Amino acid sequence: MAYTPAHLIAAAQTHGDHTTAEIARRLGVPYVSAYRWVTGRHAPGPDGLAAIERAYGVTAATIFTGEAA
């Protein structure tokens, strides 16, 4: 399964978060972690996935399989 940051970005924008700093703040993670996830350099780990689901409602299955957000 491949990590797809497009779903994270789309969900963030839907919630009004248009910058990496805003995404990091909402998720409660360091800026560098959010940057790596948004750019696709790294996939979020279990804690990051849980934060994304809590904040944006995007599941790990959606992020990794490419299902519609």
N, C-alpha and C. Protein backbone atom coordinates (compact mmCIF):
# COMPACT_ATOMS: atom_id res chain seq x y z
N MET A 1 0.84 -1.18 0.00
CA MET A 1 0.00 0.00 0.00
C MET A 1 0.89 1.25 0.00
N ALA A 2 0.49 2.19 -0.78
CA ALA A 2 1.24 3.44 -0.88
C ALA A 2 0.54 4.54 -0.09
N TYR A 3 1.36 5.38 0.51
CA TYR A 3 0.83 6.53 1.24
C TYR A 3 0.46 7.62 0.24
N THR A 4 -0.72 8.21 0.41
CA THR A 4 -1.22 9.25 -0.47
C THR A 4 -1.52 10.51 0.36
N PRO A 5 -0.64 11.53 0.31
CA PRO A 5 -0.88 12.73 1.11
C PRO A 5 -2.03 13.59 0.61
N ALA A 6 -2.50 13.37 -0.60
CA ALA A 6 -3.57 14.21 -1.17
C ALA A 6 -4.82 14.20 -0.30
N HIS A 7 -5.13 13.08 0.32
CA HIS A 7 -6.33 13.00 1.15
C HIS A 7 -6.17 13.80 2.44
N LEU A 8 -4.99 13.77 3.01
CA LEU A 8 -4.71 14.58 4.20
C LEU A 8 -4.83 16.06 3.84
N ILE A 9 -4.23 16.46 2.74
CA ILE A 9 -4.26 17.86 2.33
C ILE A 9 -5.69 18.32 2.05
N ALA A 10 -6.45 17.51 1.33
CA ALA A 10 -7.84 17.87 1.02
C ALA A 10 -8.67 18.01 2.29
N ALA A 11 -8.51 17.10 3.22
CA ALA A 11 -9.27 17.16 4.47
C ALA A 11 -8.86 18.40 5.27
N ALA A 12 -7.58 18.70 5.30
CA ALA A 12 -7.10 19.87 6.03
C ALA A 12 -7.70 21.14 5.44
N GLN A 13 -7.69 21.25 4.12
CA GLN A 13 -8.24 22.44 3.48
C GLN A 13 -9.74 22.57 3.73
N THR A 14 -10.43 21.45 3.77
CA THR A 14 -11.86 21.47 4.07
C THR A 14 -12.12 22.05 5.45
N HIS A 15 -11.19 21.80 6.38
CA HIS A 15 -11.33 22.30 7.75
C HIS A 15 -10.69 23.68 7.92
N GLY A 16 -10.24 24.29 6.82
CA GLY A 16 -9.69 25.64 6.89
C GLY A 16 -8.20 25.71 7.17
N ASP A 17 -7.52 24.58 7.14
CA ASP A 17 -6.07 24.57 7.38
C ASP A 17 -5.36 24.54 6.03
N HIS A 18 -4.78 25.67 5.65
CA HIS A 18 -4.18 25.79 4.32
C HIS A 18 -2.66 25.77 4.34
N THR A 19 -2.06 25.79 5.51
CA THR A 19 -0.59 25.75 5.60
C THR A 19 -0.17 24.55 6.44
N THR A 20 1.08 24.18 6.26
CA THR A 20 1.61 23.07 7.04
C THR A 20 1.61 23.42 8.53
N ALA A 21 1.88 24.66 8.85
CA ALA A 21 1.87 25.08 10.26
C ALA A 21 0.48 24.91 10.87
N GLU A 22 -0.56 25.25 10.13
CA GLU A 22 -1.93 25.08 10.63
C GLU A 22 -2.27 23.60 10.81
N ILE A 23 -1.82 22.78 9.88
CA ILE A 23 -2.04 21.33 10.00
C ILE A 23 -1.34 20.79 11.23
N ALA A 24 -0.09 21.18 11.42
CA ALA A 24 0.68 20.71 12.58
C ALA A 24 0.01 21.13 13.88
N ARG A 25 -0.45 22.36 13.92
CA ARG A 25 -1.11 22.88 15.13
C ARG A 25 -2.37 22.08 15.44
N ARG A 26 -3.21 21.85 14.42
CA ARG A 26 -4.46 21.12 14.65
C ARG A 26 -4.19 19.68 15.08
N LEU A 27 -3.17 19.07 14.50
CA LEU A 27 -2.85 17.68 14.83
C LEU A 27 -2.08 17.54 16.13
N GLY A 28 -1.48 18.63 16.59
CA GLY A 28 -0.69 18.58 17.82
C GLY A 28 0.63 17.86 17.62
N VAL A 29 1.22 18.04 16.43
CA VAL A 29 2.50 17.40 16.11
C VAL A 29 3.52 18.47 15.75
N PRO A 30 4.81 18.14 15.80
CA PRO A 30 5.82 19.11 15.37
C PRO A 30 5.65 19.47 13.89
N TYR A 31 6.04 20.69 13.56
CA TYR A 31 5.94 21.16 12.18
C TYR A 31 6.63 20.21 11.21
N VAL A 32 7.81 19.75 11.57
CA VAL A 32 8.58 18.89 10.67
C VAL A 32 7.84 17.58 10.37
N SER A 33 7.10 17.05 11.32
CA SER A 33 6.32 15.84 11.08
C SER A 33 5.22 16.12 10.06
N ALA A 34 4.48 17.19 10.28
CA ALA A 34 3.41 17.55 9.35
C ALA A 34 3.99 17.83 7.96
N TYR A 35 5.12 18.49 7.90
CA TYR A 35 5.77 18.77 6.62
C TYR A 35 6.10 17.48 5.87
N ARG A 36 6.64 16.52 6.57
CA ARG A 36 6.99 15.24 5.94
C ARG A 36 5.76 14.51 5.43
N TRP A 37 4.66 14.60 6.17
CA TRP A 37 3.42 13.93 5.76
C TRP A 37 2.80 14.63 4.57
N VAL A 38 2.78 15.96 4.59
CA VAL A 38 2.15 16.74 3.52
C VAL A 38 2.93 16.60 2.21
N THR A 39 4.25 16.54 2.30
CA THR A 39 5.07 16.42 1.10
C THR A 39 5.18 14.98 0.62
N GLY A 40 4.76 14.04 1.44
CA GLY A 40 4.84 12.63 1.06
C GLY A 40 6.21 12.01 1.29
N ARG A 41 7.09 12.72 2.00
CA ARG A 41 8.42 12.18 2.28
C ARG A 41 8.36 11.00 3.25
N HIS A 42 7.42 11.07 4.16
CA HIS A 42 7.22 9.99 5.12
C HIS A 42 5.72 9.80 5.34
N ALA A 43 5.35 8.59 5.66
CA ALA A 43 3.96 8.30 6.03
C ALA A 43 3.83 8.45 7.55
N PRO A 44 2.69 8.89 8.01
CA PRO A 44 2.49 9.00 9.46
C PRO A 44 2.48 7.62 10.12
N GLY A 45 3.01 7.57 11.33
CA GLY A 45 2.97 6.34 12.11
C GLY A 45 1.63 6.22 12.81
N PRO A 46 1.50 5.24 13.70
CA PRO A 46 0.22 5.01 14.38
C PRO A 46 -0.32 6.22 15.13
N ASP A 47 0.55 6.93 15.85
CA ASP A 47 0.09 8.11 16.59
C ASP A 47 -0.35 9.22 15.65
N GLY A 48 0.39 9.41 14.58
CA GLY A 48 0.04 10.42 13.59
C GLY A 48 -1.27 10.09 12.89
N LEU A 49 -1.45 8.83 12.55
CA LEU A 49 -2.70 8.40 11.91
C LEU A 49 -3.89 8.63 12.83
N ALA A 50 -3.70 8.35 14.11
CA ALA A 50 -4.78 8.57 15.08
C ALA A 50 -5.11 10.06 15.17
N ALA A 51 -4.09 10.91 15.18
CA ALA A 51 -4.31 12.36 15.24
C ALA A 51 -5.03 12.85 14.00
N ILE A 52 -4.66 12.34 12.83
CA ILE A 52 -5.30 12.73 11.58
C ILE A 52 -6.77 12.32 11.59
N GLU A 53 -7.04 11.12 12.06
CA GLU A 53 -8.43 10.65 12.10
C GLU A 53 -9.26 11.48 13.08
N ARG A 54 -8.70 11.80 14.24
CA ARG A 54 -9.42 12.62 15.23
C ARG A 54 -9.69 14.02 14.69
N ALA A 55 -8.69 14.62 14.07
CA ALA A 55 -8.81 16.01 13.65
C ALA A 55 -9.60 16.18 12.35
N TYR A 56 -9.39 15.27 11.41
CA TYR A 56 -9.96 15.46 10.08
C TYR A 56 -10.94 14.37 9.65
N GLY A 57 -11.01 13.29 10.39
CA GLY A 57 -11.93 12.22 10.04
C GLY A 57 -11.46 11.35 8.88
N VAL A 58 -10.18 11.44 8.54
CA VAL A 58 -9.62 10.65 7.46
C VAL A 58 -8.98 9.40 8.06
N THR A 59 -9.43 8.24 7.62
CA THR A 59 -8.92 6.99 8.19
C THR A 59 -7.61 6.56 7.51
N ALA A 60 -6.90 5.68 8.18
CA ALA A 60 -5.67 5.13 7.64
C ALA A 60 -5.95 4.40 6.33
N ALA A 61 -7.07 3.71 6.26
CA ALA A 61 -7.43 2.98 5.03
C ALA A 61 -7.55 3.94 3.85
N THR A 62 -8.10 5.10 4.07
CA THR A 62 -8.25 6.09 3.01
C THR A 62 -6.88 6.63 2.60
N ILE A 63 -6.06 6.94 3.56
CA ILE A 63 -4.74 7.50 3.27
C ILE A 63 -3.86 6.50 2.52
N PHE A 64 -3.93 5.25 2.86
CA PHE A 64 -3.03 4.28 2.27
C PHE A 64 -3.58 3.56 1.04
N THR A 65 -4.88 3.54 0.82
CA THR A 65 -5.40 2.82 -0.34
C THR A 65 -5.84 3.75 -1.46
N GLY A 66 -6.00 5.03 -1.17
CA GLY A 66 -6.38 5.96 -2.21
C GLY A 66 -7.88 6.06 -2.44
N GLU A 67 -8.68 5.62 -1.48
CA GLU A 67 -10.14 5.77 -1.59
C GLU A 67 -10.50 7.24 -1.53
N ALA A 68 -11.67 7.57 -2.00
CA ALA A 68 -12.14 8.97 -1.99
C ALA A 68 -12.20 9.50 -0.57
N ALA A 69 -11.80 10.74 -0.42
CA ALA A 69 -11.77 11.37 0.90
C ALA A 69 -13.15 11.79 1.34
